[in-house]
C-alpha atoms as a PDB file:
ATOM      1  CA  UNK A   1     -57.083 -64.971 -86.665  1.00  0.00           C
ATOM      2  CA  UNK A   2     -58.860 -67.680 -88.903  1.00  0.00           C
ATOM      3  CA  UNK A   3     -55.728 -69.979 -87.607  1.00  0.00           C
ATOM      4  CA  UNK A   4     -56.318 -69.141 -83.973  1.00  0.00           C
ATOM      5  CA  UNK A   5     -59.786 -69.579 -84.181  1.00  0.00           C
ATOM      6  CA  UNK A   6     -58.574 -72.916 -85.773  1.00  0.00           C
ATOM      7  CA  UNK A   7     -55.730 -73.617 -82.976  1.00  0.00           C
ATOM      8  CA  UNK A   8     -58.523 -73.042 -80.066  1.00  0.00           C
ATOM      9  CA  UNK A   9     -61.001 -74.975 -81.585  1.00  0.00           C
ATOM     10  CA  UNK A  10     -58.284 -78.357 -81.630  1.00  0.00           C
ATOM     11  CA  UNK A  11     -57.541 -76.998 -78.492  1.00  0.00           C
ATOM     12  CA  UNK A  12     -60.872 -77.259 -77.084  1.00  0.00           C
ATOM     13  CA  UNK A  13     -61.739 -80.495 -78.890  1.00  0.00           C
ATOM     14  CA  UNK A  14     -58.953 -81.987 -77.207  1.00  0.00           C
ATOM     15  CA  UNK A  15     -59.414 -80.516 -73.684  1.00  0.00           C
ATOM     16  CA  UNK A  16     -63.297 -82.072 -74.099  1.00  0.00           C
ATOM     17  CA  UNK A  17     -62.430 -85.224 -75.494  1.00  0.00           C
ATOM     18  CA  UNK A  18     -59.643 -85.862 -72.785  1.00  0.00           C
ATOM     19  CA  UNK A  19     -62.196 -85.028 -70.124  1.00  0.00           C
ATOM     20  CA  UNK A  20     -64.546 -87.478 -71.616  1.00  0.00           C
ATOM     21  CA  UNK A  21     -61.986 -90.065 -71.675  1.00  0.00           C
ATOM     22  CA  UNK A  22     -61.272 -89.051 -68.411  1.00  0.00           C
ATOM     23  CA  UNK A  23     -65.395 -89.697 -67.150  1.00  0.00           C
ATOM     24  CA  UNK A  24     -65.533 -92.688 -69.373  1.00  0.00           C
ATOM     25  CA  UNK A  25     -62.670 -93.996 -67.276  1.00  0.00           C
ATOM     26  CA  UNK A  26     -63.960 -93.044 -63.736  1.00  0.00           C
ATOM     27  CA  UNK A  27     -67.383 -94.567 -64.717  1.00  0.00           C
ATOM     28  CA  UNK A  28     -65.888 -97.604 -65.532  1.00  0.00           C
ATOM     29  CA  UNK A  29     -63.976 -97.598 -62.417  1.00  0.00           C
ATOM     30  CA  UNK A  30     -67.323 -97.001 -60.056  1.00  0.00           C
ATOM     31  CA  UNK A  31     -69.122 -99.224 -62.184  1.00  0.00           C
ATOM     32  CA  UNK A  32     -66.487-102.216 -61.681  1.00  0.00           C
ATOM     33  CA  UNK A  33     -66.774-101.222 -57.695  1.00  0.00           C
ATOM     34  CA  UNK A  34     -70.006-101.560 -57.918  1.00  0.00           C
ATOM     35  CA  UNK A  35     -69.860-104.567 -59.278  1.00  0.00           C
ATOM     36  CA  UNK A  36     -67.317-105.940 -57.393  1.00  0.00           C
ATOM     37  CA  UNK A  37     -69.332-104.874 -53.522  1.00  0.00           C
ATOM     38  CA  UNK A  38     -72.670-106.807 -55.008  1.00  0.00           C
ATOM     39  CA  UNK A  39     -71.112-109.789 -55.968  1.00  0.00           C
ATOM     40  CA  UNK A  40     -69.535-110.013 -52.609  1.00  0.00           C
ATOM     41  CA  UNK A  41     -73.148-108.901 -50.940  1.00  0.00           C
ATOM     42  CA  UNK A  42     -74.042-111.746 -52.785  1.00  0.00           C
ATOM     43  CA  UNK A  43     -71.474-114.211 -51.453  1.00  0.00           C
ATOM     44  CA  UNK A  44     -72.072-113.367 -48.049  1.00  0.00           C
ATOM     45  CA  UNK A  45     -75.586-113.793 -48.689  1.00  0.00           C
ATOM     46  CA  UNK A  46     -75.379-117.309 -49.819  1.00  0.00           C
ATOM     47  CA  UNK A  47     -72.466-118.101 -47.616  1.00  0.00           C
ATOM     48  CA  UNK A  48     -74.442-119.665 -43.778  1.00  0.00           C
ATOM     49  CA  UNK A  49     -72.067-118.205 -41.062  1.00  0.00           C
ATOM     50  CA  UNK A  50     -73.772-121.081 -38.646  1.00  0.00           C
ATOM     51  CA  UNK A  51     -72.513-124.137 -41.323  1.00  0.00           C
ATOM     52  CA  UNK A  52     -69.212-124.307 -39.081  1.00  0.00           C
ATOM     53  CA  UNK A  53     -71.062-125.083 -35.739  1.00  0.00           C
ATOM     54  CA  UNK A  54     -71.003-128.814 -35.230  1.00  0.00           C
ATOM     55  CA  UNK A  55     -73.071-129.037 -32.189  1.00  0.00           C
ATOM     56  CA  UNK A  56     -76.949-129.215 -32.428  1.00  0.00           C
ATOM     57  CA  UNK A  57     -77.766-127.069 -29.326  1.00  0.00           C
ATOM     58  CA  UNK A  58     -75.133-124.896 -30.513  1.00  0.00           C
ATOM     59  CA  UNK A  59     -76.314-124.364 -33.861  1.00  0.00           C
ATOM     60  CA  UNK A  60     -80.156-123.638 -32.748  1.00  0.00           C
ATOM     61  CA  UNK A  61     -79.205-121.004 -30.615  1.00  0.00           C
ATOM     62  CA  UNK A  62     -76.859-119.487 -33.338  1.00  0.00           C
ATOM     63  CA  UNK A  63     -80.630-119.536 -35.247  1.00  0.00           C
ATOM     64  CA  UNK A  64     -82.161-116.726 -33.006  1.00  0.00           C
ATOM     65  CA  UNK A  65     -79.564-114.210 -34.397  1.00  0.00           C
ATOM     66  CA  UNK A  66     -79.413-112.713 -37.928  1.00  0.00           C
ATOM     67  CA  UNK A  67     -76.209-112.554 -38.255  1.00  0.00           C
ATOM     68  CA  UNK A  68     -72.680-113.005 -36.048  1.00  0.00           C
ATOM     69  CA  UNK A  69     -73.097-109.310 -34.624  1.00  0.00           C
ATOM     70  CA  UNK A  70     -76.521-110.141 -33.415  1.00  0.00           C
ATOM     71  CA  UNK A  71     -75.193-112.993 -31.842  1.00  0.00           C
ATOM     72  CA  UNK A  72     -72.010-111.744 -30.607  1.00  0.00           C
ATOM     73  CA  UNK A  73     -74.117-108.489 -28.965  1.00  0.00           C
ATOM     74  CA  UNK A  74     -76.928-111.208 -27.239  1.00  0.00           C
ATOM     75  CA  UNK A  75     -73.999-112.839 -25.476  1.00  0.00           C
ATOM     76  CA  UNK A  76     -72.578-109.495 -24.639  1.00  0.00           C
ATOM     77  CA  UNK A  77     -76.409-108.330 -23.006  1.00  0.00           C
ATOM     78  CA  UNK A  78     -76.098-111.874 -21.650  1.00  0.00           C
ATOM     79  CA  UNK A  79     -72.909-111.697 -20.117  1.00  0.00           C
ATOM     80  CA  UNK A  80     -74.174-107.955 -18.485  1.00  0.00           C
ATOM     81  CA  UNK A  81     -77.223-109.022 -17.194  1.00  0.00           C
ATOM     82  CA  UNK A  82     -75.361-112.285 -15.788  1.00  0.00           C
ATOM     83  CA  UNK A  83     -72.725-109.840 -13.784  1.00  0.00           C
ATOM     84  CA  UNK A  84     -74.886-107.716 -12.382  1.00  0.00           C
ATOM     85  CA  UNK A  85     -77.830-110.230 -11.289  1.00  0.00           C
ATOM     86  CA  UNK A  86     -78.224-111.887  -7.679  1.00  0.00           C
ATOM     87  CA  UNK A  87     -77.480-115.816  -7.491  1.00  0.00           C
ATOM     88  CA  UNK A  88     -79.018-117.900  -4.717  1.00  0.00           C
ATOM     89  CA  UNK A  89     -76.587-119.574  -3.202  1.00  0.00           C
ATOM     90  CA  UNK A  90     -76.640-123.414  -2.992  1.00  0.00           C
ATOM     91  CA  UNK A  91     -76.280-125.943  -0.498  1.00  0.00           C
ATOM     92  CA  UNK A  92     -72.696-125.565  -0.720  1.00  0.00           C
ATOM     93  CA  UNK A  93     -72.633-122.304   0.133  1.00  0.00           C
ATOM     94  CA  UNK A  94     -69.917-120.641   2.077  1.00  0.00           C
ATOM     95  CA  UNK A  95     -71.357-118.422   5.231  1.00  0.00           C
ATOM     96  CA  UNK A  96     -70.248-115.030   3.352  1.00  0.00           C
ATOM     97  CA  UNK A  97     -72.096-115.873  -0.473  1.00  0.00           C
ATOM     98  CA  UNK A  98     -75.165-116.519   2.113  1.00  0.00           C
ATOM     99  CA  UNK A  99     -74.455-113.442   3.791  1.00  0.00           C
ATOM    100  CA  UNK A 100     -73.913-111.336   0.459  1.00  0.00           C
ATOM    101  CA  UNK A 101     -77.279-112.663  -1.187  1.00  0.00           C
ATOM    102  CA  UNK A 102     -79.103-112.193   1.815  1.00  0.00           C
ATOM    103  CA  UNK A 103     -77.708-108.372   2.003  1.00  0.00           C
ATOM    104  CA  UNK A 104     -78.684-108.037  -1.833  1.00  0.00           C
ATOM    105  CA  UNK A 105     -81.973-109.034  -0.917  1.00  0.00           C
ATOM    106  CA  UNK A 106     -82.420-106.650   2.078  1.00  0.00           C
ATOM    107  CA  UNK A 107     -82.379-109.238   4.882  1.00  0.00           C
ATOM    108  CA  UNK A 108     -81.175-107.244   8.207  1.00  0.00           C
ATOM    109  CA  UNK A 109     -77.750-108.174   9.450  1.00  0.00           C
ATOM    110  CA  UNK A 110     -79.416-108.654  13.058  1.00  0.00           C
ATOM    111  CA  UNK A 111     -82.579-109.567  14.728  1.00  0.00           C
ATOM    112  CA  UNK A 112     -82.826-106.433  16.305  1.00  0.00           C
ATOM    113  CA  UNK A 113     -82.596-104.835  12.761  1.00  0.00           C
ATOM    114  CA  UNK A 114     -86.281-105.701  11.745  1.00  0.00           C
ATOM    115  CA  UNK A 115     -88.453-102.626  12.556  1.00  0.00           C
ATOM    116  CA  UNK A 116     -92.512-103.304  13.127  1.00  0.00           C
ATOM    117  CA  UNK A 117     -94.777-100.138  12.659  1.00  0.00           C
ATOM    118  CA  UNK A 118     -98.109-100.070  14.703  1.00  0.00           C
ATOM    119  CA  UNK A 119    -100.709 -98.811  13.525  1.00  0.00           C
ATOM    120  CA  UNK A 120    -101.228 -95.074  13.703  1.00  0.00           C
ATOM    121  CA  UNK A 121    -103.029 -94.694  17.160  1.00  0.00           C
ATOM    122  CA  UNK A 122    -102.222 -97.660  18.916  1.00  0.00           C
ATOM    123  CA  UNK A 123     -98.924 -98.117  20.740  1.00  0.00           C
ATOM    124  CA  UNK A 124     -97.585-101.565  21.117  1.00  0.00           C
ATOM    125  CA  UNK A 125     -98.441-103.701  24.468  1.00  0.00           C
ATOM    126  CA  UNK A 126     -95.884-105.772  26.166  1.00  0.00           C
ATOM    127  CA  UNK A 127     -97.563-108.482  24.311  1.00  0.00           C
ATOM    128  CA  UNK A 128     -96.681-106.706  20.693  1.00  0.00           C
ATOM    129  CA  UNK A 129     -93.601-105.893  22.437  1.00  0.00           C
ATOM    130  CA  UNK A 130     -93.255-110.201  22.789  1.00  0.00           C
ATOM    131  CA  UNK A 131     -94.796-110.715  19.430  1.00  0.00           C
ATOM    132  CA  UNK A 132     -92.372-108.722  17.110  1.00  0.00           C
ATOM    133  CA  UNK A 133     -89.203-110.273  19.126  1.00  0.00           C
ATOM    134  CA  UNK A 134     -90.791-113.714  18.227  1.00  0.00           C
ATOM    135  CA  UNK A 135     -91.400-113.236  14.323  1.00  0.00           C
ATOM    136  CA  UNK A 136     -88.078-111.155  14.050  1.00  0.00           C
ATOM    137  CA  UNK A 137     -86.520-113.937  14.795  1.00  0.00           C
ATOM    138  CA  UNK A 138     -88.344-115.600  12.753  1.00  0.00           C
ATOM    139  CA  UNK A 139     -88.199-113.621   9.953  1.00  0.00           C
ATOM    140  CA  UNK A 140     -84.253-113.428  10.032  1.00  0.00           C
ATOM    141  CA  UNK A 141     -83.782-117.425  10.447  1.00  0.00           C
ATOM    142  CA  UNK A 142     -86.040-117.537   7.204  1.00  0.00           C
ATOM    143  CA  UNK A 143     -84.107-114.372   5.556  1.00  0.00           C
ATOM    144  CA  UNK A 144     -87.105-112.428   5.233  1.00  0.00           C
ATOM    145  CA  UNK A 145     -86.282-109.268   3.337  1.00  0.00           C
ATOM    146  CA  UNK A 146     -87.102-106.198   6.053  1.00  0.00           C
ATOM    147  CA  UNK A 147     -89.050-104.796   3.320  1.00  0.00           C
ATOM    148  CA  UNK A 148     -91.421-107.961   3.135  1.00  0.00           C
ATOM    149  CA  UNK A 149     -91.028-108.297   6.959  1.00  0.00           C
ATOM    150  CA  UNK A 150     -92.591-105.353   7.403  1.00  0.00           C
ATOM    151  CA  UNK A 151     -95.056-105.009   4.866  1.00  0.00           C
ATOM    152  CA  UNK A 152     -96.755-108.477   6.218  1.00  0.00           C
ATOM    153  CA  UNK A 153     -96.182-107.054   9.924  1.00  0.00           C
ATOM    154  CA  UNK A 154     -98.582-104.194   8.667  1.00  0.00           C
ATOM    155  CA  UNK A 155    -100.974-106.058   7.505  1.00  0.00           C
ATOM    156  CA  UNK A 156    -101.276-108.272  10.229  1.00  0.00           C
ATOM    157  CA  UNK A 157    -101.571-105.542  12.304  1.00  0.00           C
ATOM    158  CA  UNK A 158    -104.165-103.629   9.974  1.00  0.00           C
ATOM    159  CA  UNK A 159    -106.346-107.294  10.393  1.00  0.00           C
ATOM    160  CA  UNK A 160    -106.067-107.916  14.225  1.00  0.00           C
ATOM    161  CA  UNK A 161    -107.257-104.077  14.958  1.00  0.00           C
ATOM    162  CA  UNK A 162    -110.333-104.666  12.812  1.00  0.00           C
ATOM    163  CA  UNK A 163    -110.464-108.029  14.265  1.00  0.00           C
ATOM    164  CA  UNK A 164    -110.405-106.420  17.688  1.00  0.00           C
ATOM    165  CA  UNK A 165    -113.248-103.569  16.691  1.00  0.00           C
ATOM    166  CA  UNK A 166    -115.564-106.134  15.156  1.00  0.00           C
ATOM    167  CA  UNK A 167    -115.269-108.259  18.473  1.00  0.00           C
ATOM    168  CA  UNK A 168    -115.888-104.945  20.555  1.00  0.00           C
ATOM    169  CA  UNK A 169    -118.971-103.930  18.671  1.00  0.00           C
ATOM    170  CA  UNK A 170    -120.238-107.613  18.583  1.00  0.00           C
ATOM    171  CA  UNK A 171    -119.238-107.838  22.519  1.00  0.00           C
ATOM    172  CA  UNK A 172    -121.244-103.976  22.863  1.00  0.00           C
ATOM    173  CA  UNK A 173    -124.405-106.046  20.841  1.00  0.00           C
ATOM    174  CA  UNK A 174    -124.450-108.599  23.085  1.00  0.00           C
ATOM    175  CA  UNK A 175    -124.176-106.787  26.139  1.00  0.00           C
ATOM    176  CA  UNK A 176    -126.638-104.001  24.932  1.00  0.00           C
ATOM    177  CA  UNK A 177    -128.992-106.622  24.355  1.00  0.00           C
ATOM    178  CA  UNK A 178    -128.420-108.527  27.477  1.00  0.00           C
ATOM    179  CA  UNK A 179    -128.952-105.194  29.618  1.00  0.00           C
ATOM    180  CA  UNK A 180    -132.333-104.400  27.675  1.00  0.00           C
ATOM    181  CA  UNK A 181    -133.528-108.186  28.569  1.00  0.00           C
ATOM    182  CA  UNK A 182    -132.803-107.858  32.064  1.00  0.00           C
ATOM    183  CA  UNK A 183    -134.688-104.082  32.052  1.00  0.00           C
ATOM    184  CA  UNK A 184    -137.995-106.549  30.682  1.00  0.00           C
ATOM    185  CA  UNK A 185    -137.883-108.587  33.570  1.00  0.00           C
END
């Protein structure tokens, strides 16, 4: 029995020694990996990715980004923004480019497509219709978006109604004053 206990004790000691050695090797390997990663980070931090940029203006732009990934992301964001933007046609723009711009801005294709709303309770007179036709042509010639033309004419109509009310009130006051004066005579 003593012999069996000695064998078990030797086996346990050998197993423990092997496990300890294996754990030590794993710890050493892990420590070496961590040290290598730390060294790589230090190397990356000391190397400035902008050093390869020779052009001063480009380098100045690169200084706005902390990392190369940031620079690429900002470039991608800008490209997306530009691809969905509406560009004003230049002097040499084709008719198609100008038409596409006008459409994107909400300019009607035809003069007749402008809509003029009258103030509530006010019917358009012949003079109103002539005014609207004239200004629809002006709005189209200057490529005014339909929403802007509608807002402008609505504001004009409201202003005109207020001026007409004020004029009528002033005329009535003068008329009433004239009637009162004539009664006194």
